[in-house]
Amino acid sequence: MADAGAWQESTRGLLQFACLTRPDWTREETWNAIHAAKTAGLPWDRLVRRLLDIAFRVETPPTRPRELWDDARGVRDRVVPGQLDPEVRARLLADLAARGPVAGPRHGGGGDP
């Protein structure tokens, strides 16, 4: 079993590095994400890799440390179309094309719908 003191020192170092890398992250939110991911059972090596991946990723909106916790829980808030398997994407697009145009509300301009 790993020494608790060593784990705390490693965590402090990771916290400091992550906050220096991302000044827009607060120490509190980053610490909470690290602690929650560790409590959820995320192995240390995966936790470090994932946090650094999140910290170095430049996106709009900006990444947040809580994505680490989401990863540990298996939650994916962000769905990027480019992440779809090409075959799945092709099937979805073919299905949409086969359905034809979607009928929606039509407004004639002015008055109640």
PDB file of N, CA and C in Angstrom:
ATOM      1  N   MET A   1       0.840  -1.181   0.000  1.00  0.00           N
ATOM      2  CA  MET A   1       0.000   0.000   0.000  1.00  0.00           C
ATOM      3  C   MET A   1       0.886   1.246   0.000  1.00  0.00           C
ATOM      4  N   ALA A   2       0.508   2.236  -0.782  1.00  0.00           N
ATOM      5  CA  ALA A   2       1.297   3.454  -0.900  1.00  0.00           C
ATOM      6  C   ALA A   2       1.181   4.279   0.382  1.00  0.00           C
ATOM      7  N   ASP A   3       2.268   4.961   0.694  1.00  0.00           N
ATOM      8  CA  ASP A   3       2.306   5.825   1.862  1.00  0.00           C
ATOM      9  C   ASP A   3       1.384   7.021   1.638  1.00  0.00           C
ATOM     10  N   ALA A   4       0.508   7.306   2.623  1.00  0.00           N
ATOM     11  CA  ALA A   4      -0.443   8.424   2.496  1.00  0.00           C
ATOM     12  C   ALA A   4       0.295   9.749   2.374  1.00  0.00           C
ATOM     13  N   GLY A   5       1.405   9.894   3.084  1.00  0.00           N
ATOM     14  CA  GLY A   5       2.184  11.133   3.006  1.00  0.00           C
ATOM     15  C   GLY A   5       2.748  11.358   1.611  1.00  0.00           C
ATOM     16  N   ALA A   6       3.231  10.273   0.996  1.00  0.00           N
ATOM     17  CA  ALA A   6       3.764  10.375  -0.366  1.00  0.00           C
ATOM     18  C   ALA A   6       2.658  10.749  -1.342  1.00  0.00           C
ATOM     19  N   TRP A   7       1.475  10.157  -1.145  1.00  0.00           N
ATOM     20  CA  TRP A   7       0.355  10.487  -2.021  1.00  0.00           C
ATOM     21  C   TRP A   7      -0.006  11.956  -1.894  1.00  0.00           C
ATOM     22  N   GLN A   8      -0.019  12.472  -0.648  1.00  0.00           N
ATOM     23  CA  GLN A   8      -0.350  13.886  -0.446  1.00  0.00           C
ATOM     24  C   GLN A   8       0.685  14.792  -1.087  1.00  0.00           C
ATOM     25  N   GLU A   9       1.969  14.437  -0.962  1.00  0.00           N
ATOM     26  CA  GLU A   9       3.021  15.240  -1.593  1.00  0.00           C
ATOM     27  C   GLU A   9       2.884  15.222  -3.112  1.00  0.00           C
ATOM     28  N   SER A  10       2.627  14.052  -3.673  1.00  0.00           N
ATOM     29  CA  SER A  10       2.438  13.935  -5.127  1.00  0.00           C
ATOM     30  C   SER A  10       1.241  14.750  -5.579  1.00  0.00           C
ATOM     31  N   THR A  11       0.184  14.696  -4.793  1.00  0.00           N
ATOM     32  CA  THR A  11      -1.029  15.446  -5.127  1.00  0.00           C
ATOM     33  C   THR A  11      -0.768  16.940  -5.081  1.00  0.00           C
ATOM     34  N   ARG A  12      -0.033  17.387  -4.064  1.00  0.00           N
ATOM     35  CA  ARG A  12       0.290  18.825  -3.978  1.00  0.00           C
ATOM     36  C   ARG A  12       1.112  19.263  -5.189  1.00  0.00           C
ATOM     37  N   GLY A  13       2.059  18.434  -5.592  1.00  0.00           N
ATOM     38  CA  GLY A  13       2.878  18.764  -6.760  1.00  0.00           C
ATOM     39  C   GLY A  13       2.051  18.826  -8.033  1.00  0.00           C
ATOM     40  N   LEU A  14       1.153  17.858  -8.203  1.00  0.00           N
ATOM     41  CA  LEU A  14       0.277  17.849  -9.372  1.00  0.00           C
ATOM     42  C   LEU A  14      -0.641  19.061  -9.359  1.00  0.00           C
ATOM     43  N   LEU A  15      -1.179  19.374  -8.184  1.00  0.00           N
ATOM     44  CA  LEU A  15      -2.062  20.540  -8.032  1.00  0.00           C
ATOM     45  C   LEU A  15      -1.324  21.816  -8.414  1.00  0.00           C
ATOM     46  N   GLN A  16      -0.123  21.966  -7.890  1.00  0.00           N
ATOM     47  CA  GLN A  16       0.660  23.164  -8.194  1.00  0.00           C
ATOM     48  C   GLN A  16       0.966  23.258  -9.694  1.00  0.00           C
ATOM     49  N   PHE A  17       1.378  22.149 -10.287  1.00  0.00           N
ATOM     50  CA  PHE A  17       1.698  22.143 -11.711  1.00  0.00           C
ATOM     51  C   PHE A  17       0.464  22.476 -12.556  1.00  0.00           C
ATOM     52  N   ALA A  18      -0.671  21.860 -12.235  1.00  0.00           N
ATOM     53  CA  ALA A  18      -1.899  22.103 -13.006  1.00  0.00           C
ATOM     54  C   ALA A  18      -2.326  23.568 -12.909  1.00  0.00           C
ATOM     55  N   CYS A  19      -2.237  24.151 -11.717  1.00  0.00           N
ATOM     56  CA  CYS A  19      -2.651  25.545 -11.542  1.00  0.00           C
ATOM     57  C   CYS A  19      -1.674  26.527 -12.176  1.00  0.00           C
ATOM     58  N   LEU A  20      -0.392  26.158 -12.240  1.00  0.00           N
ATOM     59  CA  LEU A  20       0.566  27.002 -12.959  1.00  0.00           C
ATOM     60  C   LEU A  20       0.329  26.926 -14.463  1.00  0.00           C
ATOM     61  N   THR A  21      -0.041  25.732 -14.923  1.00  0.00           N
ATOM     62  CA  THR A  21      -0.322  25.532 -16.341  1.00  0.00           C
ATOM     63  C   THR A  21      -1.592  26.258 -16.750  1.00  0.00           C
ATOM     64  N   ARG A  22      -2.603  26.213 -15.888  1.00  0.00           N
ATOM     65  CA  ARG A  22      -3.901  26.828 -16.174  1.00  0.00           C
ATOM     66  C   ARG A  22      -4.251  27.839 -15.090  1.00  0.00           C
ATOM     67  N   PRO A  23      -3.786  29.094 -15.215  1.00  0.00           N
ATOM     68  CA  PRO A  23      -4.074  30.094 -14.189  1.00  0.00           C
ATOM     69  C   PRO A  23      -5.573  30.391 -14.037  1.00  0.00           C
ATOM     70  N   ASP A  24      -6.379  29.988 -15.025  1.00  0.00           N
ATOM     71  CA  ASP A  24      -7.825  30.204 -14.913  1.00  0.00           C
ATOM     72  C   ASP A  24      -8.492  29.168 -14.006  1.00  0.00           C
ATOM     73  N   TRP A  25      -7.767  28.144 -13.587  1.00  0.00           N
ATOM     74  CA  TRP A  25      -8.289  27.143 -12.658  1.00  0.00           C
ATOM     75  C   TRP A  25      -7.935  27.561 -11.239  1.00  0.00           C
ATOM     76  N   THR A  26      -8.888  27.430 -10.331  1.00  0.00           N
ATOM     77  CA  THR A  26      -8.590  27.730  -8.931  1.00  0.00           C
ATOM     78  C   THR A  26      -8.002  26.488  -8.274  1.00  0.00           C
ATOM     79  N   ARG A  27      -7.228  26.721  -7.229  1.00  0.00           N
ATOM     80  CA  ARG A  27      -6.644  25.600  -6.480  1.00  0.00           C
ATOM     81  C   ARG A  27      -7.757  24.728  -5.891  1.00  0.00           C
ATOM     82  N   GLU A  28      -8.811  25.382  -5.411  1.00  0.00           N
ATOM     83  CA  GLU A  28      -9.903  24.633  -4.773  1.00  0.00           C
ATOM     84  C   GLU A  28     -10.605  23.699  -5.764  1.00  0.00           C
ATOM     85  N   GLU A  29     -10.980  24.217  -6.934  1.00  0.00           N
ATOM     86  CA  GLU A  29     -11.694  23.364  -7.888  1.00  0.00           C
ATOM     87  C   GLU A  29     -10.789  22.254  -8.423  1.00  0.00           C
ATOM     88  N   THR A  30      -9.499  22.547  -8.564  1.00  0.00           N
ATOM     89  CA  THR A  30      -8.565  21.534  -9.047  1.00  0.00           C
ATOM     90  C   THR A  30      -8.338  20.462  -7.977  1.00  0.00           C
ATOM     91  N   TRP A  31      -8.161  20.884  -6.738  1.00  0.00           N
ATOM     92  CA  TRP A  31      -7.997  19.932  -5.631  1.00  0.00           C
ATOM     93  C   TRP A  31      -9.238  19.050  -5.511  1.00  0.00           C
ATOM     94  N   ASN A  32     -10.414  19.651  -5.590  1.00  0.00           N
ATOM     95  CA  ASN A  32     -11.652  18.878  -5.480  1.00  0.00           C
ATOM     96  C   ASN A  32     -11.759  17.836  -6.590  1.00  0.00           C
ATOM     97  N   ALA A  33     -11.368  18.214  -7.796  1.00  0.00           N
ATOM     98  CA  ALA A  33     -11.426  17.274  -8.924  1.00  0.00           C
ATOM     99  C   ALA A  33     -10.446  16.115  -8.724  1.00  0.00           C
ATOM    100  N   ILE A  34      -9.238  16.431  -8.276  1.00  0.00           N
ATOM    101  CA  ILE A  34      -8.238  15.387  -8.036  1.00  0.00           C
ATOM    102  C   ILE A  34      -8.724  14.448  -6.937  1.00  0.00           C
ATOM    103  N   HIS A  35      -9.186  15.032  -5.856  1.00  0.00           N
ATOM    104  CA  HIS A  35      -9.638  14.224  -4.717  1.00  0.00           C
ATOM    105  C   HIS A  35     -10.846  13.364  -5.091  1.00  0.00           C
ATOM    106  N   ALA A  36     -11.796  13.942  -5.811  1.00  0.00           N
ATOM    107  CA  ALA A  36     -12.993  13.185  -6.207  1.00  0.00           C
ATOM    108  C   ALA A  36     -12.633  12.038  -7.150  1.00  0.00           C
ATOM    109  N   ALA A  37     -11.725  12.287  -8.087  1.00  0.00           N
ATOM    110  CA  ALA A  37     -11.315  11.236  -9.028  1.00  0.00           C
ATOM    111  C   ALA A  37     -10.584  10.118  -8.290  1.00  0.00           C
ATOM    112  N   LYS A  38      -9.733  10.474  -7.345  1.00  0.00           N
ATOM    113  CA  LYS A  38      -9.012   9.470  -6.565  1.00  0.00           C
ATOM    114  C   LYS A  38      -9.988   8.669  -5.704  1.00  0.00           C
ATOM    115  N   THR A  39     -10.946   9.354  -5.094  1.00  0.00           N
ATOM    116  CA  THR A  39     -11.956   8.686  -4.273  1.00  0.00           C
ATOM    117  C   THR A  39     -12.824   7.755  -5.115  1.00  0.00           C
ATOM    118  N   ALA A  40     -13.073   8.145  -6.367  1.00  0.00           N
ATOM    119  CA  ALA A  40     -13.888   7.320  -7.266  1.00  0.00           C
ATOM    120  C   ALA A  40     -13.120   6.098  -7.766  1.00  0.00           C
ATOM    121  N   GLY A  41     -11.830   6.016  -7.427  1.00  0.00           N
ATOM    122  CA  GLY A  41     -11.061   4.828  -7.784  1.00  0.00           C
ATOM    123  C   GLY A  41     -10.217   4.961  -9.039  1.00  0.00           C
ATOM    124  N   LEU A  42     -10.080   6.167  -9.576  1.00  0.00           N
ATOM    125  CA  LEU A  42      -9.250   6.357 -10.761  1.00  0.00           C
ATOM    126  C   LEU A  42      -7.792   6.095 -10.378  1.00  0.00           C
ATOM    127  N   PRO A  43      -7.112   5.182 -11.057  1.00  0.00           N
ATOM    128  CA  PRO A  43      -5.712   4.896 -10.719  1.00  0.00           C
ATOM    129  C   PRO A  43      -4.846   6.148 -10.891  1.00  0.00           C
ATOM    130  N   TRP A  44      -3.807   6.267 -10.046  1.00  0.00           N
ATOM    131  CA  TRP A  44      -2.980   7.476 -10.026  1.00  0.00           C
ATOM    132  C   TRP A  44      -2.397   7.796 -11.390  1.00  0.00           C
ATOM    133  N   ASP A  45      -1.863   6.796 -12.112  1.00  0.00           N
ATOM    134  CA  ASP A  45      -1.240   7.083 -13.407  1.00  0.00           C
ATOM    135  C   ASP A  45      -2.262   7.621 -14.399  1.00  0.00           C
ATOM    136  N   ARG A  46      -3.467   7.067 -14.394  1.00  0.00           N
ATOM    137  CA  ARG A  46      -4.515   7.558 -15.297  1.00  0.00           C
ATOM    138  C   ARG A  46      -4.991   8.945 -14.869  1.00  0.00           C
ATOM    139  N   LEU A  47      -5.081   9.174 -13.555  1.00  0.00           N
ATOM    140  CA  LEU A  47      -5.499  10.474 -13.035  1.00  0.00           C
ATOM    141  C   LEU A  47      -4.526  11.559 -13.500  1.00  0.00           C
ATOM    142  N   VAL A  48      -3.230  11.301 -13.363  1.00  0.00           N
ATOM    143  CA  VAL A  48      -2.220  12.284 -13.773  1.00  0.00           C
ATOM    144  C   VAL A  48      -2.299  12.539 -15.275  1.00  0.00           C
ATOM    145  N   ARG A  49      -2.329  11.462 -16.069  1.00  0.00           N
ATOM    146  CA  ARG A  49      -2.401  11.639 -17.535  1.00  0.00           C
ATOM    147  C   ARG A  49      -3.651  12.412 -17.935  1.00  0.00           C
ATOM    148  N   ARG A  50      -4.776  12.061 -17.339  1.00  0.00           N
ATOM    149  CA  ARG A  50      -6.042  12.706 -17.717  1.00  0.00           C
ATOM    150  C   ARG A  50      -6.052  14.176 -17.319  1.00  0.00           C
ATOM    151  N   LEU A  51      -5.571  14.483 -16.110  1.00  0.00           N
ATOM    152  CA  LEU A  51      -5.550  15.882 -15.678  1.00  0.00           C
ATOM    153  C   LEU A  51      -4.636  16.716 -16.570  1.00  0.00           C
ATOM    154  N   LEU A  52      -3.476  16.170 -16.915  1.00  0.00           N
ATOM    155  CA  LEU A  52      -2.569  16.916 -17.788  1.00  0.00           C
ATOM    156  C   LEU A  52      -3.158  17.077 -19.184  1.00  0.00           C
ATOM    157  N   ASP A  53      -3.850  16.058 -19.668  1.00  0.00           N
ATOM    158  CA  ASP A  53      -4.522  16.159 -20.960  1.00  0.00           C
ATOM    159  C   ASP A  53      -5.551  17.287 -20.941  1.00  0.00           C
ATOM    160  N   ILE A  54      -6.309  17.358 -19.874  1.00  0.00           N
ATOM    161  CA  ILE A  54      -7.327  18.410 -19.742  1.00  0.00           C
ATOM    162  C   ILE A  54      -6.654  19.779 -19.625  1.00  0.00           C
ATOM    163  N   ALA A  55      -5.588  19.850 -18.842  1.00  0.00           N
ATOM    164  CA  ALA A  55      -4.912  21.138 -18.611  1.00  0.00           C
ATOM    165  C   ALA A  55      -4.283  21.694 -19.886  1.00  0.00           C
ATOM    166  N   PHE A  56      -3.714  20.825 -20.706  1.00  0.00           N
ATOM    167  CA  PHE A  56      -3.030  21.291 -21.910  1.00  0.00           C
ATOM    168  C   PHE A  56      -3.945  21.467 -23.111  1.00  0.00           C
ATOM    169  N   ARG A  57      -5.186  20.998 -23.012  1.00  0.00           N
ATOM    170  CA  ARG A  57      -6.125  21.112 -24.126  1.00  0.00           C
ATOM    171  C   ARG A  57      -6.671  22.535 -24.182  1.00  0.00           C
ATOM    172  N   VAL A  58      -6.655  23.124 -25.356  1.00  0.00           N
ATOM    173  CA  VAL A  58      -7.177  24.477 -25.537  1.00  0.00           C
ATOM    174  C   VAL A  58      -8.493  24.359 -26.303  1.00  0.00           C
ATOM    175  N   GLU A  59      -9.570  24.733 -25.644  1.00  0.00           N
ATOM    176  CA  GLU A  59     -10.891  24.629 -26.250  1.00  0.00           C
ATOM    177  C   GLU A  59     -11.731  25.838 -25.888  1.00  0.00           C
ATOM    178  N   THR A  60     -12.774  26.035 -26.637  1.00  0.00           N
ATOM    179  CA  THR A  60     -13.779  27.034 -26.322  1.00  0.00           C
ATOM    180  C   THR A  60     -15.096  26.294 -26.213  1.00  0.00           C
ATOM    181  N   PRO A  61     -15.778  26.308 -25.068  1.00  0.00           N
ATOM    182  CA  PRO A  61     -15.373  26.949 -23.819  1.00  0.00           C
ATOM    183  C   PRO A  61     -14.176  26.227 -23.211  1.00  0.00           C
ATOM    184  N   PRO A  62     -13.452  26.936 -22.340  1.00  0.00           N
ATOM    185  CA  PRO A  62     -12.248  26.349 -21.768  1.00  0.00           C
ATOM    186  C   PRO A  62     -12.542  25.092 -20.958  1.00  0.00           C
ATOM    187  N   THR A  63     -11.558  24.201 -20.923  1.00  0.00           N
ATOM    188  CA  THR A  63     -11.695  22.992 -20.119  1.00  0.00           C
ATOM    189  C   THR A  63     -11.686  23.368 -18.646  1.00  0.00           C
ATOM    190  N   ARG A  64     -12.275  22.520 -17.831  1.00  0.00           N
ATOM    191  CA  ARG A  64     -12.320  22.733 -16.388  1.00  0.00           C
ATOM    192  C   ARG A  64     -11.792  21.480 -15.702  1.00  0.00           C
ATOM    193  N   PRO A  65     -11.231  21.614 -14.504  1.00  0.00           N
ATOM    194  CA  PRO A  65     -10.716  20.447 -13.801  1.00  0.00           C
ATOM    195  C   PRO A  65     -11.778  19.398 -13.495  1.00  0.00           C
ATOM    196  N   ARG A  66     -13.044  19.812 -13.388  1.00  0.00           N
ATOM    197  CA  ARG A  66     -14.079  18.835 -13.037  1.00  0.00           C
ATOM    198  C   ARG A  66     -14.250  17.770 -14.117  1.00  0.00           C
ATOM    199  N   GLU A  67     -13.705  18.010 -15.319  1.00  0.00           N
ATOM    200  CA  GLU A  67     -13.749  16.979 -16.359  1.00  0.00           C
ATOM    201  C   GLU A  67     -12.998  15.726 -15.914  1.00  0.00           C
ATOM    202  N   LEU A  68     -12.021  15.906 -15.027  1.00  0.00           N
ATOM    203  CA  LEU A  68     -11.296  14.763 -14.477  1.00  0.00           C
ATOM    204  C   LEU A  68     -12.249  13.886 -13.672  1.00  0.00           C
ATOM    205  N   TRP A  69     -13.055  14.517 -12.846  1.00  0.00           N
ATOM    206  CA  TRP A  69     -14.024  13.780 -12.029  1.00  0.00           C
ATOM    207  C   TRP A  69     -15.062  13.122 -12.927  1.00  0.00           C
ATOM    208  N   ASP A  70     -15.531  13.865 -13.923  1.00  0.00           N
ATOM    209  CA  ASP A  70     -16.496  13.299 -14.871  1.00  0.00           C
ATOM    210  C   ASP A  70     -15.917  12.053 -15.537  1.00  0.00           C
ATOM    211  N   ASP A  71     -14.639  12.103 -15.889  1.00  0.00           N
ATOM    212  CA  ASP A  71     -13.990  10.954 -16.510  1.00  0.00           C
ATOM    213  C   ASP A  71     -13.958   9.771 -15.546  1.00  0.00           C
ATOM    214  N   ALA A  72     -13.658  10.047 -14.292  1.00  0.00           N
ATOM    215  CA  ALA A  72     -13.602   8.973 -13.291  1.00  0.00           C
ATOM    216  C   ALA A  72     -14.971   8.323 -13.099  1.00  0.00           C
ATOM    217  N   ARG A  73     -16.030   9.111 -13.220  1.00  0.00           N
ATOM    218  CA  ARG A  73     -17.386   8.585 -13.063  1.00  0.00           C
ATOM    219  C   ARG A  73     -17.936   8.030 -14.367  1.00  0.00           C
ATOM    220  N   GLY A  74     -17.206   8.218 -15.465  1.00  0.00           N
ATOM    221  CA  GLY A  74     -17.673   7.721 -16.758  1.00  0.00           C
ATOM    222  C   GLY A  74     -18.658   8.650 -17.427  1.00  0.00           C
ATOM    223  N   VAL A  75     -18.668   9.906 -17.020  1.00  0.00           N
ATOM    224  CA  VAL A  75     -19.603  10.885 -17.574  1.00  0.00           C
ATOM    225  C   VAL A  75     -18.922  11.631 -18.707  1.00  0.00           C
ATOM    226  N   ARG A  76     -19.642  11.822 -19.769  1.00  0.00           N
ATOM    227  CA  ARG A  76     -19.120  12.597 -20.892  1.00  0.00           C
ATOM    228  C   ARG A  76     -20.119  13.707 -21.204  1.00  0.00           C
ATOM    229  N   ASP A  77     -19.774  14.934 -20.768  1.00  0.00           N
ATOM    230  CA  ASP A  77     -20.658  16.065 -21.050  1.00  0.00           C
ATOM    231  C   ASP A  77     -20.470  16.577 -22.468  1.00  0.00           C
ATOM    232  N   ARG A  78     -19.260  16.518 -22.934  1.00  0.00           N
ATOM    233  CA  ARG A  78     -18.958  17.062 -24.253  1.00  0.00           C
ATOM    234  C   ARG A  78     -19.010  15.951 -25.293  1.00  0.00           C
ATOM    235  N   VAL A  79     -19.810  16.148 -26.306  1.00  0.00           N
ATOM    236  CA  VAL A  79     -19.839  15.203 -27.415  1.00  0.00           C
ATOM    237  C   VAL A  79     -19.396  15.984 -28.636  1.00  0.00           C
ATOM    238  N   VAL A  80     -18.291  15.584 -29.188  1.00  0.00           N
ATOM    239  CA  VAL A  80     -17.734  16.256 -30.348  1.00  0.00           C
ATOM    240  C   VAL A  80     -18.024  15.387 -31.559  1.00  0.00           C
ATOM    241  N   PRO A  81     -18.695  15.952 -32.595  1.00  0.00           N
ATOM    242  CA  PRO A  81     -19.048  15.134 -33.750  1.00  0.00           C
ATOM    243  C   PRO A  81     -17.873  14.381 -34.350  1.00  0.00           C
ATOM    244  N   GLY A  82     -16.691  14.928 -34.310  1.00  0.00           N
ATOM    245  CA  GLY A  82     -15.525  14.260 -34.856  1.00  0.00           C
ATOM    246  C   GLY A  82     -15.152  12.992 -34.107  1.00  0.00           C
ATOM    247  N   GLN A  83     -15.724  12.787 -32.928  1.00  0.00           N
ATOM    248  CA  GLN A  83     -15.409  11.610 -32.142  1.00  0.00           C
ATOM    249  C   GLN A  83     -16.253  10.403 -32.535  1.00  0.00           C
ATOM    250  N   LEU A  84     -17.261  10.619 -33.349  1.00  0.00           N
ATOM    251  CA  LEU A  84     -18.103   9.498 -33.762  1.00  0.00           C
ATOM    252  C   LEU A  84     -17.330   8.561 -34.669  1.00  0.00           C
ATOM    253  N   ASP A  85     -17.588   7.300 -34.513  1.00  0.00           N
ATOM    254  CA  ASP A  85     -17.015   6.306 -35.406  1.00  0.00           C
ATOM    255  C   ASP A  85     -17.523   6.618 -36.814  1.00  0.00           C
ATOM    256  N   PRO A  86     -16.669   6.613 -37.833  1.00  0.00           N
ATOM    257  CA  PRO A  86     -17.107   6.977 -39.188  1.00  0.00           C
ATOM    258  C   PRO A  86     -18.281   6.136 -39.690  1.00  0.00           C
ATOM    259  N   GLU A  87     -18.324   4.859 -39.349  1.00  0.00           N
ATOM    260  CA  GLU A  87     -19.437   4.015 -39.793  1.00  0.00           C
ATOM    261  C   GLU A  87     -20.737   4.411 -39.106  1.00  0.00           C
ATOM    262  N   VAL A  88     -20.666   4.721 -37.812  1.00  0.00           N
ATOM    263  CA  VAL A  88     -21.857   5.152 -37.070  1.00  0.00           C
ATOM    264  C   VAL A  88     -22.353   6.478 -37.636  1.00  0.00           C
ATOM    265  N   ARG A  89     -21.423   7.396 -37.890  1.00  0.00           N
ATOM    266  CA  ARG A  89     -21.797   8.698 -38.445  1.00  0.00           C
ATOM    267  C   ARG A  89     -22.483   8.529 -39.802  1.00  0.00           C
ATOM    268  N   ALA A  90     -21.935   7.668 -40.654  1.00  0.00           N
ATOM    269  CA  ALA A  90     -22.515   7.436 -41.977  1.00  0.00           C
ATOM    270  C   ALA A  90     -23.929   6.865 -41.863  1.00  0.00           C
ATOM    271  N   ARG A  91     -24.124   5.918 -40.929  1.00  0.00           N
ATOM    272  CA  ARG A  91     -25.467   5.341 -40.735  1.00  0.00           C
ATOM    273  C   ARG A  91     -26.454   6.393 -40.253  1.00  0.00           C
ATOM    274  N   LEU A  92     -26.011   7.257 -39.337  1.00  0.00           N
ATOM    275  CA  LEU A  92     -26.897   8.314 -38.828  1.00  0.00           C
ATOM    276  C   LEU A  92     -27.284   9.297 -39.932  1.00  0.00           C
ATOM    277  N   LEU A  93     -26.303   9.697 -40.729  1.00  0.00           N
ATOM    278  CA  LEU A  93     -26.593  10.628 -41.824  1.00  0.00           C
ATOM    279  C   LEU A  93     -27.500   9.989 -42.869  1.00  0.00           C
ATOM    280  N   ALA A  94     -27.298   8.712 -43.169  1.00  0.00           N
ATOM    281  CA  ALA A  94     -28.158   8.015 -44.128  1.00  0.00           C
ATOM    282  C   ALA A  94     -29.590   7.926 -43.595  1.00  0.00           C
ATOM    283  N   ASP A  95     -29.723   7.658 -42.298  1.00  0.00           N
ATOM    284  CA  ASP A  95     -31.041   7.578 -41.680  1.00  0.00           C
ATOM    285  C   ASP A  95     -31.757   8.930 -41.755  1.00  0.00           C
ATOM    286  N   LEU A  96     -31.031  10.006 -41.472  1.00  0.00           N
ATOM    287  CA  LEU A  96     -31.627  11.342 -41.552  1.00  0.00           C
ATOM    288  C   LEU A  96     -32.046  11.675 -42.984  1.00  0.00           C
ATOM    289  N   ALA A  97     -31.201  11.327 -43.942  1.00  0.00           N
ATOM    290  CA  ALA A  97     -31.521  11.607 -45.342  1.00  0.00           C
ATOM    291  C   ALA A  97     -32.743  10.818 -45.787  1.00  0.00           C
ATOM    292  N   ALA A  98     -32.884   9.566 -45.318  1.00  0.00           N
ATOM    293  CA  ALA A  98     -34.021   8.728 -45.703  1.00  0.00           C
ATOM    294  C   ALA A  98     -35.337   9.254 -45.136  1.00  0.00           C
ATOM    295  N   ARG A  99     -35.266   9.950 -44.026  1.00  0.00           N
ATOM    296  CA  ARG A  99     -36.487  10.487 -43.404  1.00  0.00           C
ATOM    297  C   ARG A  99     -37.040  11.693 -44.162  1.00  0.00           C
ATOM    298  N   GLY A 100     -36.226  12.339 -44.937  1.00  0.00           N
ATOM    299  CA  GLY A 100     -36.687  13.495 -45.693  1.00  0.00           C
ATOM    300  C   GLY A 100     -36.768  14.729 -44.815  1.00  0.00           C
ATOM    301  N   PRO A 101     -37.293  15.800 -45.375  1.00  0.00           N
ATOM    302  CA  PRO A 101     -37.356  17.060 -44.623  1.00  0.00           C
ATOM    303  C   PRO A 101     -38.289  16.915 -43.411  1.00  0.00           C
ATOM    304  N   VAL A 102     -37.944  17.613 -42.373  1.00  0.00           N
ATOM    305  CA  VAL A 102     -38.740  17.588 -41.152  1.00  0.00           C
ATOM    306  C   VAL A 102     -39.792  18.676 -41.253  1.00  0.00           C
ATOM    307  N   ALA A 103     -41.043  18.294 -41.036  1.00  0.00           N
ATOM    308  CA  ALA A 103     -42.130  19.274 -41.046  1.00  0.00           C
ATOM    309  C   ALA A 103     -42.195  19.940 -39.697  1.00  0.00           C
ATOM    310  N   GLY A 104     -42.115  21.219 -39.687  1.00  0.00           N
ATOM    311  CA  GLY A 104     -42.178  21.973 -38.441  1.00  0.00           C
ATOM    312  C   GLY A 104     -43.223  23.064 -38.559  1.00  0.00           C
ATOM    313  N   PRO A 105     -43.358  23.850 -37.524  1.00  0.00           N
ATOM    314  CA  PRO A 105     -44.338  24.936 -37.574  1.00  0.00           C
ATOM    315  C   PRO A 105     -43.971  25.928 -38.666  1.00  0.00           C
ATOM    316  N   ARG A 106     -44.991  26.364 -39.349  1.00  0.00           N
ATOM    317  CA  ARG A 106     -44.773  27.355 -40.414  1.00  0.00           C
ATOM    318  C   ARG A 106     -45.524  28.616 -40.025  1.00  0.00           C
ATOM    319  N   HIS A 107     -44.822  29.682 -40.122  1.00  0.00           N
ATOM    320  CA  HIS A 107     -45.424  30.966 -39.768  1.00  0.00           C
ATOM    321  C   HIS A 107     -45.546  31.798 -41.035  1.00  0.00           C
ATOM    322  N   GLY A 108     -46.715  32.301 -41.251  1.00  0.00           N
ATOM    323  CA  GLY A 108     -46.973  33.095 -42.443  1.00  0.00           C
ATOM    324  C   GLY A 108     -46.574  34.536 -42.302  1.00  0.00           C
ATOM    325  N   GLY A 109     -45.973  34.875 -41.197  1.00  0.00           N
ATOM    326  CA  GLY A 109     -45.528  36.258 -41.010  1.00  0.00           C
ATOM    327  C   GLY A 109     -46.621  37.094 -40.389  1.00  0.00           C
ATOM    328  N   GLY A 110     -46.519  37.321 -39.115  1.00  0.00           N
ATOM    329  CA  GLY A 110     -47.490  38.140 -38.425  1.00  0.00           C
ATOM    330  C   GLY A 110     -48.656  37.330 -37.866  1.00  0.00           C
ATOM    331  N   GLY A 111     -49.279  37.858 -36.880  1.00  0.00           N
ATOM    332  CA  GLY A 111     -50.440  37.188 -36.284  1.00  0.00           C
ATOM    333  C   GLY A 111     -50.045  36.016 -35.415  1.00  0.00           C
ATOM    334  N   ASP A 112     -51.039  35.343 -34.896  1.00  0.00           N
ATOM    335  CA  ASP A 112     -50.791  34.183 -34.052  1.00  0.00           C
ATOM    336  C   ASP A 112     -50.452  32.989 -34.929  1.00  0.00           C
ATOM    337  N   PRO A 113     -49.611  32.104 -34.423  1.00  0.00           N
ATOM    338  CA  PRO A 113     -49.246  30.916 -35.215  1.00  0.00           C
ATOM    339  C   PRO A 113     -50.419  29.995 -35.397  1.00  0.00           C
TER     340      PRO A 113
END
